[in-house]
Amino acid sequence: MDYGDRGFWAYDVALDIFVKHLIDAAEASDEAGTTWLCAAITDWRKTASIADIGLSLDPAWPASQRQVFINLASDACAMLAKRESISAEEIIAWPMLDDLRIYPRGVSEVFTAPLIELGRAVVALVAGTLPDAPKGRAWFYGTDTGRQTIGMSS
């Protein structure tokens, strides 16, 4: 997950599911037909369906677009908070990009609490309020045990 010169790591299944809900929020929003959001949704569909693509957000968005994004990401967290978990059957049924789907890596269900924590970290990153990870480490979100840090080689 990158935003400008800051970012963090995220478990790909968790990120993909969060991004799917971000897309749902964006498509239901008043901004849905705007050029910038249509382009973002296209990129987000790639993120959610192609394992090697992480979420990268445009740091050149003006403040108004950043605020829309923060609202959409918060809406995605609220959608996820309505349930405790999502079954693998449901996850693989979501059409993301052409014939591509989210791959749940063999799990039978995904709990939403780590997804919400990840979404809140995305919001904090874009809002500029995400705390720095400890020196020599990076934040890692979306795991069943919650936020962790991982070592970064210099």
Protein backbone atom coordinates (compact mmCIF):
# COMPACT_ATOMS: atom_id res chain seq x y z
CA MET A 1 0.00 0.00 0.00
CA ASP A 2 1.65 3.21 -1.18
CA TYR A 3 0.71 6.83 -0.90
CA GLY A 4 3.39 9.26 -1.93
CA ASP A 5 6.60 8.39 -0.12
CA ARG A 6 4.85 6.50 2.69
CA GLY A 7 3.18 3.15 2.87
CA PHE A 8 2.85 -0.19 4.60
CA TRP A 9 2.52 -3.87 3.78
CA ALA A 10 -0.81 -5.68 3.71
CA TYR A 11 -1.84 -9.31 3.46
CA ASP A 12 -3.03 -9.57 -0.14
CA VAL A 13 -6.32 -11.37 0.55
CA ALA A 14 -7.28 -8.77 3.16
CA LEU A 15 -6.31 -5.91 0.87
CA ASP A 16 -8.24 -7.40 -2.05
CA ILE A 17 -11.41 -7.78 0.02
CA PHE A 18 -11.09 -4.26 1.44
CA VAL A 19 -10.57 -2.88 -2.08
CA LYS A 20 -13.67 -4.74 -3.30
CA HIS A 21 -15.69 -2.92 -0.63
CA LEU A 22 -13.97 0.36 -1.52
CA ILE A 23 -15.11 -0.15 -5.12
CA ASP A 24 -18.66 -0.87 -3.93
CA ALA A 25 -18.66 2.35 -1.90
CA ALA A 26 -17.25 4.33 -4.83
CA GLU A 27 -19.79 2.97 -7.31
CA ALA A 28 -22.64 3.88 -4.93
CA SER A 29 -21.32 7.40 -4.28
CA ASP A 30 -22.34 10.73 -5.79
CA GLU A 31 -18.82 10.92 -7.34
CA ALA A 32 -19.27 7.60 -9.22
CA GLY A 33 -19.30 9.12 -12.71
CA THR A 34 -16.39 11.51 -12.29
CA THR A 35 -13.32 10.98 -14.43
CA TRP A 36 -10.86 10.72 -11.56
CA LEU A 37 -12.96 8.18 -9.64
CA CYS A 38 -13.69 6.07 -12.73
CA ALA A 39 -9.93 5.87 -13.35
CA ALA A 40 -9.30 4.99 -9.70
CA ILE A 41 -11.96 2.25 -9.75
CA THR A 42 -10.34 0.73 -12.85
CA ASP A 43 -6.99 0.63 -11.00
CA TRP A 44 -8.62 -0.75 -7.85
CA ARG A 45 -10.19 -3.61 -9.84
CA LYS A 46 -6.68 -4.57 -11.01
CA THR A 47 -5.42 -4.39 -7.43
CA ALA A 48 -8.19 -6.67 -6.17
CA SER A 49 -7.82 -9.29 -8.86
CA ILE A 50 -4.10 -9.46 -9.72
CA ALA A 51 -2.04 -10.70 -6.79
CA ASP A 52 1.18 -8.85 -7.62
CA ILE A 53 -0.43 -5.41 -7.77
CA GLY A 54 -0.67 -3.47 -4.53
CA LEU A 55 -2.87 -0.50 -3.81
CA SER A 56 -1.14 2.70 -4.88
CA LEU A 57 -2.97 5.98 -4.53
CA ASP A 58 -2.25 9.21 -6.38
CA PRO A 59 -0.60 11.72 -4.03
CA ALA A 60 -1.43 14.46 -6.55
CA TRP A 61 -5.15 14.26 -5.80
CA PRO A 62 -6.37 17.65 -4.61
CA ALA A 63 -7.68 17.92 -1.07
CA SER A 64 -11.29 17.51 -2.23
CA GLN A 65 -10.53 14.17 -3.91
CA ARG A 66 -8.48 12.97 -0.94
CA GLN A 67 -11.46 13.72 1.28
CA VAL A 68 -13.80 11.81 -1.04
CA PHE A 69 -11.39 8.87 -0.93
CA ILE A 70 -11.22 9.00 2.88
CA ASN A 71 -15.02 9.02 3.02
CA LEU A 72 -15.24 6.07 0.61
CA ALA A 73 -12.65 4.07 2.56
CA SER A 74 -14.54 4.83 5.77
CA ASP A 75 -17.76 3.67 4.09
CA ALA A 76 -16.01 0.44 3.07
CA CYS A 77 -15.00 -0.11 6.71
CA ALA A 78 -18.60 0.49 7.80
CA MET A 79 -19.85 -2.08 5.25
CA LEU A 80 -17.35 -4.62 6.54
CA ALA A 81 -18.31 -3.89 10.16
CA LYS A 82 -21.85 -5.14 9.49
CA ARG A 83 -20.61 -8.74 9.54
CA GLU A 84 -18.13 -10.88 11.40
CA SER A 85 -16.76 -12.85 8.47
CA ILE A 86 -17.08 -13.54 4.75
CA SER A 87 -17.08 -17.05 3.31
CA ALA A 88 -14.63 -18.11 0.64
CA GLU A 89 -17.57 -19.05 -1.59
CA GLU A 90 -18.82 -15.48 -1.47
CA ILE A 91 -15.35 -14.03 -2.04
CA ILE A 92 -14.67 -16.07 -5.17
CA ALA A 93 -18.12 -15.21 -6.56
CA TRP A 94 -17.34 -11.48 -6.76
CA PRO A 95 -16.54 -10.43 -10.34
CA MET A 96 -13.60 -8.03 -10.20
CA LEU A 97 -12.03 -7.68 -13.64
CA ASP A 98 -13.17 -9.65 -16.67
CA ASP A 99 -12.89 -13.30 -15.55
CA LEU A 100 -10.57 -12.54 -12.64
CA ARG A 101 -11.68 -13.06 -9.04
CA ILE A 102 -10.18 -12.64 -5.60
CA TYR A 103 -8.25 -15.76 -4.61
CA PRO A 104 -8.75 -16.51 -0.86
CA ARG A 105 -5.65 -18.75 -0.61
CA GLY A 106 -7.51 -21.81 0.64
CA VAL A 107 -9.19 -20.28 3.68
CA SER A 108 -12.85 -21.12 4.27
CA GLU A 109 -13.70 -17.69 5.69
CA VAL A 110 -12.10 -14.33 6.28
CA PHE A 111 -12.87 -12.39 9.45
CA THR A 112 -13.65 -8.73 8.93
CA ALA A 113 -11.91 -7.21 11.98
CA PRO A 114 -8.44 -7.30 10.33
CA LEU A 115 -9.96 -5.88 7.14
CA ILE A 116 -11.44 -2.97 9.05
CA GLU A 117 -8.11 -2.34 10.80
CA LEU A 118 -6.44 -2.34 7.37
CA GLY A 119 -9.05 0.08 6.01
CA ARG A 120 -8.53 2.43 8.93
CA ALA A 121 -4.78 2.33 8.29
CA VAL A 122 -5.45 3.29 4.65
CA VAL A 123 -7.52 6.24 5.86
CA ALA A 124 -4.80 7.27 8.32
CA LEU A 125 -2.12 7.00 5.63
CA VAL A 126 -4.01 9.28 3.24
CA ALA A 127 -4.99 11.67 6.05
CA GLY A 128 -1.36 11.88 7.15
CA THR A 129 -2.06 10.51 10.63
CA LEU A 130 -0.59 7.01 10.35
CA PRO A 131 2.22 6.76 12.89
CA ASP A 132 5.66 5.80 11.68
CA ALA A 133 6.59 2.16 12.13
CA PRO A 134 9.46 1.46 14.51
CA LYS A 135 12.93 2.09 13.05
CA GLY A 136 13.97 -0.62 10.59
CA ARG A 137 10.43 -2.06 10.50
CA ALA A 138 7.29 -1.61 8.40
CA TRP A 139 3.65 -1.92 9.39
CA PHE A 140 1.92 -5.08 8.18
CA TYR A 141 -1.90 -5.08 8.21
CA GLY A 142 -4.65 -7.56 7.43
CA THR A 143 -3.49 -10.62 9.34
CA ASP A 144 -5.72 -12.59 11.69
CA THR A 145 -3.66 -11.41 14.65
CA GLY A 146 -3.94 -7.72 13.76
CA ARG A 147 -1.29 -5.13 12.96
CA GLN A 148 2.26 -6.38 13.07
CA THR A 149 5.64 -5.11 12.00
CA ILE A 150 8.05 -6.77 9.64
CA GLY A 151 11.77 -6.15 9.34
CA MET A 152 13.01 -4.12 6.42
CA SER A 153 16.51 -4.56 5.04
CA SER A 154 18.41 -1.41 4.27
